[in-house]
Amino acid sequence: MFATHRPHRLNRLGVSRCRLLRVEGRDLHVADLDALDGTPVLDIKPYMREFAPQTPVRQPGWSSDLMRDYYRPVTEGPAGP
């Protein structure tokens, strides 16, 4: 297993797409990055539609349900009422 989307990665490597918001000198500001704050970034590549699947991607309905709130902002503090 080279990469996974779990926050506790076995080898601490991940692959993620994100949106580039702005560039300030050598700092890149992004949104929707699948990484914990402070995670080192080893490589940056552009995402191009031509690299994406050329046919519709099929996946089971439960996976869409599971990932629905994946990029929802996390609030600080313990969960619960």
N, C-alpha and C. Protein backbone atom coordinates (compact mmCIF):
# COMPACT_ATOMS: atom_id res chain seq x y z
N MET A 1 0.86 -1.17 0.00
CA MET A 1 0.00 0.00 0.00
C MET A 1 0.90 1.23 0.00
N PHE A 2 0.85 2.00 -1.08
CA PHE A 2 1.71 3.17 -1.17
C PHE A 2 1.05 4.42 -0.61
N ALA A 3 -0.25 4.56 -0.79
CA ALA A 3 -0.93 5.75 -0.29
C ALA A 3 -2.36 5.39 0.08
N THR A 4 -2.92 6.13 1.01
CA THR A 4 -4.28 5.91 1.43
C THR A 4 -4.86 7.25 1.86
N HIS A 5 -6.19 7.35 1.93
CA HIS A 5 -6.82 8.60 2.33
C HIS A 5 -7.06 8.66 3.84
N ARG A 6 -6.64 7.66 4.57
CA ARG A 6 -6.84 7.66 6.01
C ARG A 6 -5.88 8.66 6.67
N PRO A 7 -6.30 9.33 7.76
CA PRO A 7 -5.40 10.28 8.42
C PRO A 7 -4.19 9.60 9.07
N HIS A 8 -4.29 8.32 9.41
CA HIS A 8 -3.18 7.59 10.02
C HIS A 8 -2.59 6.66 8.96
N ARG A 9 -1.74 7.20 8.12
CA ARG A 9 -1.18 6.45 7.00
C ARG A 9 -0.04 5.56 7.47
N LEU A 10 0.01 4.37 6.93
CA LEU A 10 1.07 3.44 7.31
C LEU A 10 2.44 3.98 6.94
N ASN A 11 2.56 4.57 5.75
CA ASN A 11 3.87 5.05 5.32
C ASN A 11 3.91 6.57 5.21
N ARG A 12 2.85 7.23 5.64
CA ARG A 12 2.75 8.69 5.67
C ARG A 12 2.84 9.35 4.31
N LEU A 13 2.59 8.60 3.26
CA LEU A 13 2.53 9.17 1.91
C LEU A 13 1.09 9.23 1.46
N GLY A 14 0.73 10.28 0.79
CA GLY A 14 -0.61 10.40 0.27
C GLY A 14 -0.58 11.09 -1.08
N VAL A 15 -1.64 10.93 -1.82
CA VAL A 15 -1.80 11.60 -3.10
C VAL A 15 -3.11 12.35 -3.04
N SER A 16 -3.10 13.60 -3.41
CA SER A 16 -4.30 14.41 -3.25
C SER A 16 -4.38 15.47 -4.34
N ARG A 17 -5.60 15.80 -4.72
CA ARG A 17 -5.85 16.96 -5.57
C ARG A 17 -6.33 18.07 -4.67
N CYS A 18 -6.02 19.30 -5.04
CA CYS A 18 -6.50 20.44 -4.27
C CYS A 18 -6.67 21.63 -5.21
N ARG A 19 -7.27 22.68 -4.71
CA ARG A 19 -7.47 23.90 -5.49
C ARG A 19 -6.41 24.92 -5.06
N LEU A 20 -5.73 25.50 -6.02
CA LEU A 20 -4.76 26.56 -5.75
C LEU A 20 -5.52 27.87 -5.62
N LEU A 21 -5.41 28.49 -4.44
CA LEU A 21 -6.12 29.73 -4.18
C LEU A 21 -5.28 30.95 -4.55
N ARG A 22 -4.01 30.94 -4.11
CA ARG A 22 -3.12 32.05 -4.43
C ARG A 22 -1.68 31.65 -4.17
N VAL A 23 -0.77 32.43 -4.74
CA VAL A 23 0.66 32.23 -4.57
C VAL A 23 1.24 33.51 -3.97
N GLU A 24 1.99 33.37 -2.88
CA GLU A 24 2.67 34.50 -2.25
C GLU A 24 4.13 34.12 -2.11
N GLY A 25 4.94 34.59 -3.05
CA GLY A 25 6.35 34.20 -3.03
C GLY A 25 6.46 32.70 -3.25
N ARG A 26 7.05 32.02 -2.26
CA ARG A 26 7.20 30.56 -2.34
C ARG A 26 6.08 29.82 -1.62
N ASP A 27 5.11 30.55 -1.09
CA ASP A 27 3.99 29.94 -0.37
C ASP A 27 2.80 29.73 -1.30
N LEU A 28 2.29 28.51 -1.31
CA LEU A 28 1.09 28.18 -2.07
C LEU A 28 -0.06 28.04 -1.08
N HIS A 29 -1.15 28.72 -1.34
CA HIS A 29 -2.33 28.62 -0.49
C HIS A 29 -3.35 27.79 -1.25
N VAL A 30 -3.79 26.68 -0.62
CA VAL A 30 -4.67 25.73 -1.28
C VAL A 30 -5.90 25.45 -0.43
N ALA A 31 -6.90 24.86 -1.06
CA ALA A 31 -8.11 24.42 -0.37
C ALA A 31 -8.38 22.97 -0.77
N ASP A 32 -9.05 22.27 0.11
CA ASP A 32 -9.47 20.88 -0.14
C ASP A 32 -8.30 19.92 -0.28
N LEU A 33 -7.22 20.18 0.42
CA LEU A 33 -6.07 19.27 0.40
C LEU A 33 -6.32 18.16 1.41
N ASP A 34 -6.15 16.93 1.00
CA ASP A 34 -6.35 15.78 1.87
C ASP A 34 -5.07 15.53 2.66
N ALA A 35 -4.81 16.39 3.66
CA ALA A 35 -3.61 16.26 4.49
C ALA A 35 -3.87 16.97 5.81
N LEU A 36 -3.18 16.52 6.82
CA LEU A 36 -3.26 17.17 8.12
C LEU A 36 -2.38 18.41 8.11
N ASP A 37 -2.74 19.42 8.90
CA ASP A 37 -1.96 20.64 8.99
C ASP A 37 -0.53 20.33 9.40
N GLY A 38 0.43 20.89 8.70
CA GLY A 38 1.83 20.65 9.01
C GLY A 38 2.44 19.50 8.24
N THR A 39 1.66 18.79 7.44
CA THR A 39 2.19 17.68 6.65
C THR A 39 3.15 18.21 5.59
N PRO A 40 4.36 17.66 5.50
CA PRO A 40 5.27 18.13 4.45
C PRO A 40 4.77 17.74 3.07
N VAL A 41 4.98 18.62 2.11
CA VAL A 41 4.61 18.35 0.72
C VAL A 41 5.89 18.01 -0.03
N LEU A 42 5.93 16.84 -0.65
CA LEU A 42 7.13 16.38 -1.33
C LEU A 42 7.18 16.75 -2.80
N ASP A 43 6.04 16.87 -3.42
CA ASP A 43 6.02 17.13 -4.86
C ASP A 43 4.71 17.81 -5.22
N ILE A 44 4.76 18.66 -6.21
CA ILE A 44 3.57 19.36 -6.70
C ILE A 44 3.54 19.20 -8.21
N LYS A 45 2.38 18.78 -8.70
CA LYS A 45 2.21 18.62 -10.14
C LYS A 45 0.89 19.26 -10.54
N PRO A 46 0.80 19.77 -11.76
CA PRO A 46 -0.50 20.31 -12.20
C PRO A 46 -1.46 19.16 -12.47
N TYR A 47 -2.74 19.44 -12.29
CA TYR A 47 -3.77 18.47 -12.64
C TYR A 47 -4.37 18.91 -13.96
N MET A 48 -4.42 18.01 -14.90
CA MET A 48 -5.00 18.31 -16.20
C MET A 48 -6.09 17.30 -16.52
N ARG A 49 -7.17 17.78 -17.10
CA ARG A 49 -8.30 16.90 -17.42
C ARG A 49 -7.86 15.71 -18.25
N GLU A 50 -6.85 15.90 -19.09
CA GLU A 50 -6.40 14.80 -19.95
C GLU A 50 -5.81 13.63 -19.16
N PHE A 51 -5.39 13.87 -17.91
CA PHE A 51 -4.86 12.79 -17.08
C PHE A 51 -5.96 12.04 -16.35
N ALA A 52 -7.15 12.61 -16.31
CA ALA A 52 -8.28 12.00 -15.61
C ALA A 52 -8.87 10.88 -16.48
N PRO A 53 -9.67 10.01 -15.89
CA PRO A 53 -10.32 8.97 -16.70
C PRO A 53 -11.12 9.60 -17.84
N GLN A 54 -11.05 9.01 -19.01
CA GLN A 54 -11.73 9.55 -20.18
C GLN A 54 -13.17 9.05 -20.31
N THR A 55 -13.53 8.12 -19.48
CA THR A 55 -14.90 7.60 -19.46
C THR A 55 -15.47 7.87 -18.08
N PRO A 56 -16.80 7.86 -17.94
CA PRO A 56 -17.38 8.08 -16.61
C PRO A 56 -16.85 7.05 -15.60
N VAL A 57 -16.61 7.51 -14.39
CA VAL A 57 -16.13 6.63 -13.32
C VAL A 57 -17.33 5.99 -12.66
N ARG A 58 -17.30 4.67 -12.51
CA ARG A 58 -18.38 3.94 -11.86
C ARG A 58 -17.95 3.61 -10.43
N GLN A 59 -18.84 3.86 -9.50
CA GLN A 59 -18.58 3.49 -8.11
C GLN A 59 -19.90 3.20 -7.43
N PRO A 60 -19.88 2.38 -6.38
CA PRO A 60 -21.13 2.04 -5.70
C PRO A 60 -21.70 3.25 -4.96
N GLY A 61 -23.02 3.27 -4.81
CA GLY A 61 -23.69 4.37 -4.13
C GLY A 61 -23.21 4.61 -2.72
N TRP A 62 -22.86 3.54 -2.00
CA TRP A 62 -22.44 3.70 -0.61
C TRP A 62 -21.16 4.52 -0.50
N SER A 63 -20.29 4.47 -1.52
CA SER A 63 -19.05 5.24 -1.42
C SER A 63 -19.33 6.74 -1.52
N SER A 64 -20.30 7.13 -2.33
CA SER A 64 -20.68 8.54 -2.40
C SER A 64 -21.30 8.99 -1.09
N ASP A 65 -22.13 8.13 -0.48
CA ASP A 65 -22.71 8.45 0.83
C ASP A 65 -21.62 8.62 1.88
N LEU A 66 -20.64 7.73 1.86
CA LEU A 66 -19.55 7.77 2.84
C LEU A 66 -18.71 9.04 2.70
N MET A 67 -18.50 9.48 1.48
CA MET A 67 -17.60 10.62 1.23
C MET A 67 -18.32 11.97 1.15
N ARG A 68 -19.62 11.99 1.34
CA ARG A 68 -20.42 13.21 1.17
C ARG A 68 -19.85 14.40 1.96
N ASP A 69 -19.47 14.22 3.19
CA ASP A 69 -18.98 15.32 4.05
C ASP A 69 -17.47 15.30 4.23
N TYR A 70 -16.76 14.64 3.33
CA TYR A 70 -15.31 14.45 3.50
C TYR A 70 -14.57 15.77 3.64
N TYR A 71 -14.92 16.78 2.88
CA TYR A 71 -14.21 18.06 2.92
C TYR A 71 -14.92 19.10 3.78
N ARG A 72 -15.90 18.68 4.57
CA ARG A 72 -16.56 19.60 5.49
C ARG A 72 -15.55 20.07 6.52
N PRO A 73 -15.52 21.36 6.84
CA PRO A 73 -14.56 21.85 7.85
C PRO A 73 -14.74 21.14 9.18
N VAL A 74 -13.64 20.83 9.83
CA VAL A 74 -13.65 20.17 11.13
C VAL A 74 -13.67 21.25 12.20
N THR A 75 -14.57 21.12 13.18
CA THR A 75 -14.62 22.07 14.27
C THR A 75 -13.71 21.62 15.39
N GLU A 76 -13.20 22.56 16.13
CA GLU A 76 -12.32 22.24 17.25
C GLU A 76 -13.14 21.73 18.43
N GLY A 77 -12.51 20.95 19.29
CA GLY A 77 -13.16 20.48 20.50
C GLY A 77 -13.76 19.11 20.33
N PRO A 78 -14.23 18.53 21.45
CA PRO A 78 -14.80 17.18 21.41
C PRO A 78 -16.13 17.16 20.66
N ALA A 79 -16.42 16.03 20.06
CA ALA A 79 -17.67 15.85 19.34
C ALA A 79 -18.77 15.50 20.32
N GLY A 80 -19.98 15.77 19.92
CA GLY A 80 -21.12 15.40 20.77
C GLY A 80 -21.83 16.61 21.30
N PRO A 81 -22.98 16.39 21.97
CA PRO A 81 -23.79 17.50 22.49
C PRO A 81 -23.15 18.17 23.68
